[in-house]
Amino acid sequence: MRKILILIAIAVLGFKVMPALAQIPYNADFQVSGNLGISSSSTACSTGYAAFCPSNHTCKCLTASQASLHNASGGSITIPPGVTTVDVAKDVTDVTNTPPGGCFPAYADVNYVSTDGTAHATINIFATLCKPVVAGGPLSFSGGGAIEQATLIDVFPITVTGWGTLTGTYAPTSTSGQNLTLDLMASGNVLF
């Protein structure tokens, strides 16, 4: 009887300690690239975080083709081949005058699903999109982003959440190739 009570006590203690062991912190660098289209309409994005646009503002929706999500660093987390969609809402109502040409609020939504369906991620981005200081240069993104619960691959599928700082560039005059790069330096937790 005493052995059974000891085993039950160990099991209860194990369940109390388990939540502390269920989250492991990580740091990773996630990158997005693609060809972001030039919007000539004043249509706002219709889904995801990119659909956020204040009710009295005008937002233009830009959608990337040939988009991909990958990680440049961060240990053993990998992002297998898959389909990535990127939508960026540019708020043209709330523009600043500095730098010359201005900066616009931007809300973006990156969605990824692996080809075999085992991995997926959603990244919500909030940033400013600023015109270049030097003529002919790319526009620049600066802000932050949050990784909603994502399932990515380590040795086996793992659940990842996180947040971080975002930088990037967009060259709207380039109509072919990769004219968009976003870099999210994220910290968060791997959940088991």
C-alpha atoms as a PDB file:
ATOM      1  CA  MET A   1       0.000   0.000   0.000  1.00  0.00           C
ATOM      2  CA  ARG A   2       2.834   2.330   0.865  1.00  0.00           C
ATOM      3  CA  LYS A   3       4.426   1.796  -2.597  1.00  0.00           C
ATOM      4  CA  ILE A   4       1.156   2.704  -4.296  1.00  0.00           C
ATOM      5  CA  LEU A   5       0.899   5.958  -2.296  1.00  0.00           C
ATOM      6  CA  ILE A   6       4.501   6.837  -3.176  1.00  0.00           C
ATOM      7  CA  LEU A   7       3.810   6.184  -6.889  1.00  0.00           C
ATOM      8  CA  ILE A   8       0.667   8.327  -6.763  1.00  0.00           C
ATOM      9  CA  ALA A   9       2.600  11.143  -5.053  1.00  0.00           C
ATOM     10  CA  ILE A  10       5.325  10.969  -7.735  1.00  0.00           C
ATOM     11  CA  ALA A  11       2.688  11.034 -10.497  1.00  0.00           C
ATOM     12  CA  VAL A  12       0.938  14.076  -8.969  1.00  0.00           C
ATOM     13  CA  LEU A  13       4.265  15.870  -8.538  1.00  0.00           C
ATOM     14  CA  GLY A  14       5.149  15.032 -12.156  1.00  0.00           C
ATOM     15  CA  PHE A  15       1.911  16.581 -13.451  1.00  0.00           C
ATOM     16  CA  LYS A  16       2.547  19.735 -11.384  1.00  0.00           C
ATOM     17  CA  VAL A  17       6.077  20.110 -12.797  1.00  0.00           C
ATOM     18  CA  MET A  18       5.123  19.233 -16.393  1.00  0.00           C
ATOM     19  CA  PRO A  19       3.730  22.661 -17.438  1.00  0.00           C
ATOM     20  CA  ALA A  20       7.097  24.249 -16.610  1.00  0.00           C
ATOM     21  CA  LEU A  21       8.809  21.708 -18.871  1.00  0.00           C
ATOM     22  CA  ALA A  22       6.251  22.078 -21.676  1.00  0.00           C
ATOM     23  CA  GLN A  23       7.614  25.392 -22.997  1.00  0.00           C
ATOM     24  CA  ILE A  24      11.138  25.869 -24.304  1.00  0.00           C
ATOM     25  CA  PRO A  25      12.274  29.375 -25.306  1.00  0.00           C
ATOM     26  CA  TYR A  26      13.749  29.906 -28.784  1.00  0.00           C
ATOM     27  CA  ASN A  27      15.206  32.669 -30.937  1.00  0.00           C
ATOM     28  CA  ALA A  28      14.904  32.422 -34.711  1.00  0.00           C
ATOM     29  CA  ASP A  29      15.157  34.535 -37.819  1.00  0.00           C
ATOM     30  CA  PHE A  30      12.209  33.992 -40.182  1.00  0.00           C
ATOM     31  CA  GLN A  31      12.410  35.431 -43.690  1.00  0.00           C
ATOM     32  CA  VAL A  32       9.699  36.053 -46.273  1.00  0.00           C
ATOM     33  CA  SER A  33      10.337  36.839 -49.911  1.00  0.00           C
ATOM     34  CA  GLY A  34       8.148  37.286 -52.951  1.00  0.00           C
ATOM     35  CA  ASN A  35       7.008  39.616 -55.683  1.00  0.00           C
ATOM     36  CA  LEU A  36       4.628  42.147 -54.174  1.00  0.00           C
ATOM     37  CA  GLY A  37       2.260  43.582 -56.770  1.00  0.00           C
ATOM     38  CA  ILE A  38       1.612  47.251 -57.325  1.00  0.00           C
ATOM     39  CA  SER A  39      -1.915  48.192 -56.310  1.00  0.00           C
ATOM     40  CA  SER A  40      -3.777  50.669 -58.449  1.00  0.00           C
ATOM     41  CA  SER A  41      -7.064  50.280 -56.587  1.00  0.00           C
ATOM     42  CA  SER A  42      -8.154  51.502 -53.183  1.00  0.00           C
ATOM     43  CA  THR A  43      -9.497  48.106 -52.190  1.00  0.00           C
ATOM     44  CA  ALA A  44      -8.586  46.964 -48.699  1.00  0.00           C
ATOM     45  CA  CYS A  45      -7.477  43.392 -47.994  1.00  0.00           C
ATOM     46  CA  SER A  46     -10.381  41.157 -47.050  1.00  0.00           C
ATOM     47  CA  THR A  47      -8.902  38.501 -44.743  1.00  0.00           C
ATOM     48  CA  GLY A  48      -6.496  38.065 -41.857  1.00  0.00           C
ATOM     49  CA  TYR A  49      -4.524  40.733 -40.068  1.00  0.00           C
ATOM     50  CA  ALA A  50      -4.027  42.578 -43.366  1.00  0.00           C
ATOM     51  CA  ALA A  51      -7.786  43.287 -43.340  1.00  0.00           C
ATOM     52  CA  PHE A  52      -7.250  45.641 -40.386  1.00  0.00           C
ATOM     53  CA  CYS A  53      -7.828  49.169 -41.628  1.00  0.00           C
ATOM     54  CA  PRO A  54      -9.427  51.900 -39.509  1.00  0.00           C
ATOM     55  CA  SER A  55     -13.008  52.498 -40.641  1.00  0.00           C
ATOM     56  CA  ASN A  56     -12.420  56.094 -41.739  1.00  0.00           C
ATOM     57  CA  HIS A  57      -9.164  55.323 -43.635  1.00  0.00           C
ATOM     58  CA  THR A  58      -8.363  54.118 -47.126  1.00  0.00           C
ATOM     59  CA  CYS A  59      -6.104  51.074 -47.409  1.00  0.00           C
ATOM     60  CA  LYS A  60      -4.674  49.522 -50.555  1.00  0.00           C
ATOM     61  CA  CYS A  61      -4.156  45.760 -50.625  1.00  0.00           C
ATOM     62  CA  LEU A  62      -0.952  44.400 -52.136  1.00  0.00           C
ATOM     63  CA  THR A  63      -0.628  40.643 -52.703  1.00  0.00           C
ATOM     64  CA  ALA A  64       2.662  38.814 -53.249  1.00  0.00           C
ATOM     65  CA  SER A  65       3.189  36.137 -55.853  1.00  0.00           C
ATOM     66  CA  GLN A  66       6.046  33.612 -55.774  1.00  0.00           C
ATOM     67  CA  ALA A  67       6.118  34.048 -51.985  1.00  0.00           C
ATOM     68  CA  SER A  68       8.101  31.821 -49.660  1.00  0.00           C
ATOM     69  CA  LEU A  69       8.692  31.575 -45.908  1.00  0.00           C
ATOM     70  CA  HIS A  70      11.982  30.221 -44.655  1.00  0.00           C
ATOM     71  CA  ASN A  71      14.250  30.597 -41.690  1.00  0.00           C
ATOM     72  CA  ALA A  72      17.808  31.815 -41.951  1.00  0.00           C
ATOM     73  CA  SER A  73      18.827  30.678 -38.492  1.00  0.00           C
ATOM     74  CA  GLY A  74      17.420  29.382 -35.265  1.00  0.00           C
ATOM     75  CA  GLY A  75      18.805  25.952 -34.631  1.00  0.00           C
ATOM     76  CA  SER A  76      16.965  22.879 -35.761  1.00  0.00           C
ATOM     77  CA  ILE A  77      13.561  24.400 -36.639  1.00  0.00           C
ATOM     78  CA  THR A  78      12.993  23.940 -40.356  1.00  0.00           C
ATOM     79  CA  ILE A  79      10.294  25.059 -42.744  1.00  0.00           C
ATOM     80  CA  PRO A  80       9.618  22.413 -45.404  1.00  0.00           C
ATOM     81  CA  PRO A  81       8.593  23.345 -48.969  1.00  0.00           C
ATOM     82  CA  GLY A  82       5.054  24.646 -49.202  1.00  0.00           C
ATOM     83  CA  VAL A  83       2.728  27.437 -50.233  1.00  0.00           C
ATOM     84  CA  THR A  84       3.072  30.925 -48.737  1.00  0.00           C
ATOM     85  CA  THR A  85       0.638  33.789 -49.246  1.00  0.00           C
ATOM     86  CA  VAL A  86       1.398  37.402 -48.324  1.00  0.00           C
ATOM     87  CA  ASP A  87      -1.093  40.279 -48.190  1.00  0.00           C
ATOM     88  CA  VAL A  88      -0.051  43.801 -47.190  1.00  0.00           C
ATOM     89  CA  ALA A  89      -2.529  46.596 -46.443  1.00  0.00           C
ATOM     90  CA  LYS A  90      -1.002  50.062 -46.928  1.00  0.00           C
ATOM     91  CA  ASP A  91      -2.943  52.801 -45.093  1.00  0.00           C
ATOM     92  CA  VAL A  92      -2.753  55.751 -47.516  1.00  0.00           C
ATOM     93  CA  THR A  93      -4.813  58.058 -45.262  1.00  0.00           C
ATOM     94  CA  ASP A  94      -2.360  58.195 -42.358  1.00  0.00           C
ATOM     95  CA  VAL A  95       0.859  59.319 -44.125  1.00  0.00           C
ATOM     96  CA  THR A  96       3.701  61.278 -42.500  1.00  0.00           C
ATOM     97  CA  ASN A  97       5.758  63.977 -44.187  1.00  0.00           C
ATOM     98  CA  THR A  98       9.128  62.777 -42.901  1.00  0.00           C
ATOM     99  CA  PRO A  99      11.142  61.369 -44.618  1.00  0.00           C
ATOM    100  CA  PRO A 100      10.293  63.181 -47.875  1.00  0.00           C
ATOM    101  CA  GLY A 101       7.473  61.245 -49.531  1.00  0.00           C
ATOM    102  CA  GLY A 102       6.302  59.895 -46.224  1.00  0.00           C
ATOM    103  CA  CYS A 103       5.709  56.732 -44.277  1.00  0.00           C
ATOM    104  CA  PHE A 104       2.481  54.739 -44.204  1.00  0.00           C
ATOM    105  CA  PRO A 105       1.119  52.294 -41.617  1.00  0.00           C
ATOM    106  CA  ALA A 106       1.139  48.758 -43.011  1.00  0.00           C
ATOM    107  CA  TYR A 107      -0.612  45.627 -41.784  1.00  0.00           C
ATOM    108  CA  ALA A 108       0.433  42.298 -43.264  1.00  0.00           C
ATOM    109  CA  ASP A 109      -0.580  38.682 -43.057  1.00  0.00           C
ATOM    110  CA  VAL A 110       1.791  35.838 -43.989  1.00  0.00           C
ATOM    111  CA  ASN A 111       0.205  32.386 -44.236  1.00  0.00           C
ATOM    112  CA  TYR A 112       2.193  29.207 -44.869  1.00  0.00           C
ATOM    113  CA  VAL A 113       1.173  25.547 -45.351  1.00  0.00           C
ATOM    114  CA  SER A 114       3.691  22.813 -46.179  1.00  0.00           C
ATOM    115  CA  THR A 115       3.146  20.724 -49.297  1.00  0.00           C
ATOM    116  CA  ASP A 116       2.418  17.602 -47.223  1.00  0.00           C
ATOM    117  CA  GLY A 117       0.192  19.494 -44.751  1.00  0.00           C
ATOM    118  CA  THR A 118       2.303  18.695 -41.646  1.00  0.00           C
ATOM    119  CA  ALA A 119       3.496  22.270 -41.064  1.00  0.00           C
ATOM    120  CA  HIS A 120       1.703  25.632 -41.056  1.00  0.00           C
ATOM    121  CA  ALA A 121       2.208  29.166 -39.744  1.00  0.00           C
ATOM    122  CA  THR A 122       0.506  32.546 -39.617  1.00  0.00           C
ATOM    123  CA  ILE A 123       2.542  35.686 -39.010  1.00  0.00           C
ATOM    124  CA  ASN A 124       0.794  39.008 -38.313  1.00  0.00           C
ATOM    125  CA  ILE A 125       2.877  42.080 -39.114  1.00  0.00           C
ATOM    126  CA  PHE A 126       2.409  45.690 -38.043  1.00  0.00           C
ATOM    127  CA  ALA A 127       4.906  48.148 -39.503  1.00  0.00           C
ATOM    128  CA  THR A 128       5.581  51.418 -41.244  1.00  0.00           C
ATOM    129  CA  LEU A 129       6.299  51.374 -44.970  1.00  0.00           C
ATOM    130  CA  CYS A 130       8.530  54.352 -45.806  1.00  0.00           C
ATOM    131  CA  LYS A 131       9.499  55.814 -49.155  1.00  0.00           C
ATOM    132  CA  PRO A 132      13.262  55.824 -49.826  1.00  0.00           C
ATOM    133  CA  VAL A 133      15.411  58.682 -48.593  1.00  0.00           C
ATOM    134  CA  VAL A 134      17.647  58.248 -51.657  1.00  0.00           C
ATOM    135  CA  ALA A 135      15.817  58.414 -55.000  1.00  0.00           C
ATOM    136  CA  GLY A 136      15.580  55.064 -56.746  1.00  0.00           C
ATOM    137  CA  GLY A 137      16.009  53.004 -53.581  1.00  0.00           C
ATOM    138  CA  PRO A 138      13.481  50.518 -52.227  1.00  0.00           C
ATOM    139  CA  LEU A 139      10.763  51.363 -49.730  1.00  0.00           C
ATOM    140  CA  SER A 140      11.528  50.073 -46.242  1.00  0.00           C
ATOM    141  CA  PHE A 141       9.457  48.184 -43.671  1.00  0.00           C
ATOM    142  CA  SER A 142      10.131  48.668 -39.962  1.00  0.00           C
ATOM    143  CA  GLY A 143       7.987  47.298 -37.172  1.00  0.00           C
ATOM    144  CA  GLY A 144       7.100  44.057 -35.490  1.00  0.00           C
ATOM    145  CA  GLY A 145       5.351  40.791 -35.945  1.00  0.00           C
ATOM    146  CA  ALA A 146       3.734  37.943 -34.069  1.00  0.00           C
ATOM    147  CA  ILE A 147       3.764  34.259 -34.928  1.00  0.00           C
ATOM    148  CA  GLU A 148       0.409  32.752 -34.086  1.00  0.00           C
ATOM    149  CA  GLN A 149       0.519  29.113 -33.069  1.00  0.00           C
ATOM    150  CA  ALA A 150       2.457  27.477 -35.844  1.00  0.00           C
ATOM    151  CA  THR A 151       3.394  23.872 -36.389  1.00  0.00           C
ATOM    152  CA  LEU A 152       6.913  23.659 -37.775  1.00  0.00           C
ATOM    153  CA  ILE A 153       9.397  20.803 -38.039  1.00  0.00           C
ATOM    154  CA  ASP A 154      12.218  19.941 -35.664  1.00  0.00           C
ATOM    155  CA  VAL A 155      12.949  16.233 -35.345  1.00  0.00           C
ATOM    156  CA  PHE A 156       9.141  15.948 -35.263  1.00  0.00           C
ATOM    157  CA  PRO A 157       6.362  18.553 -35.657  1.00  0.00           C
ATOM    158  CA  ILE A 158       6.410  21.177 -32.873  1.00  0.00           C
ATOM    159  CA  THR A 159       4.107  24.072 -31.995  1.00  0.00           C
ATOM    160  CA  VAL A 160       5.742  27.516 -32.014  1.00  0.00           C
ATOM    161  CA  THR A 161       4.518  30.945 -30.876  1.00  0.00           C
ATOM    162  CA  GLY A 162       6.537  34.148 -30.778  1.00  0.00           C
ATOM    163  CA  TRP A 163       6.974  37.818 -31.499  1.00  0.00           C
ATOM    164  CA  GLY A 164       9.763  40.092 -32.593  1.00  0.00           C
ATOM    165  CA  THR A 165      11.080  42.976 -34.639  1.00  0.00           C
ATOM    166  CA  LEU A 166      10.654  43.207 -38.383  1.00  0.00           C
ATOM    167  CA  THR A 167      12.643  44.918 -41.121  1.00  0.00           C
ATOM    168  CA  GLY A 168      12.296  44.627 -44.851  1.00  0.00           C
ATOM    169  CA  THR A 169      12.353  46.213 -48.269  1.00  0.00           C
ATOM    170  CA  TYR A 170       9.942  46.575 -51.164  1.00  0.00           C
ATOM    171  CA  ALA A 171      11.021  47.731 -54.632  1.00  0.00           C
ATOM    172  CA  PRO A 172       7.744  48.521 -56.459  1.00  0.00           C
ATOM    173  CA  THR A 173       9.557  49.447 -59.690  1.00  0.00           C
ATOM    174  CA  SER A 174      10.819  45.877 -60.053  1.00  0.00           C
ATOM    175  CA  THR A 175       8.035  43.906 -61.730  1.00  0.00           C
ATOM    176  CA  SER A 176       9.818  40.549 -61.906  1.00  0.00           C
ATOM    177  CA  GLY A 177      11.785  38.457 -59.455  1.00  0.00           C
ATOM    178  CA  GLN A 178      11.790  38.952 -55.711  1.00  0.00           C
ATOM    179  CA  ASN A 179      11.001  42.608 -54.947  1.00  0.00           C
ATOM    180  CA  LEU A 180       9.891  41.982 -51.329  1.00  0.00           C
ATOM    181  CA  THR A 181      11.968  40.800 -48.379  1.00  0.00           C
ATOM    182  CA  LEU A 182      10.810  40.711 -44.774  1.00  0.00           C
ATOM    183  CA  ASP A 183      12.977  39.575 -41.868  1.00  0.00           C
ATOM    184  CA  LEU A 184      11.354  38.756 -38.500  1.00  0.00           C
ATOM    185  CA  MET A 185      13.778  38.266 -35.597  1.00  0.00           C
ATOM    186  CA  ALA A 186      11.519  36.332 -33.247  1.00  0.00           C
ATOM    187  CA  SER A 187      11.673  35.088 -29.685  1.00  0.00           C
ATOM    188  CA  GLY A 188       9.044  32.811 -28.294  1.00  0.00           C
ATOM    189  CA  ASN A 189       8.255  29.359 -27.039  1.00  0.00           C
ATOM    190  CA  VAL A 190       8.229  25.879 -28.461  1.00  0.00           C
ATOM    191  CA  LEU A 191       5.219  24.158 -26.889  1.00  0.00           C
ATOM    192  CA  PHE A 192       5.219  20.429 -26.208  1.00  0.00           C
END
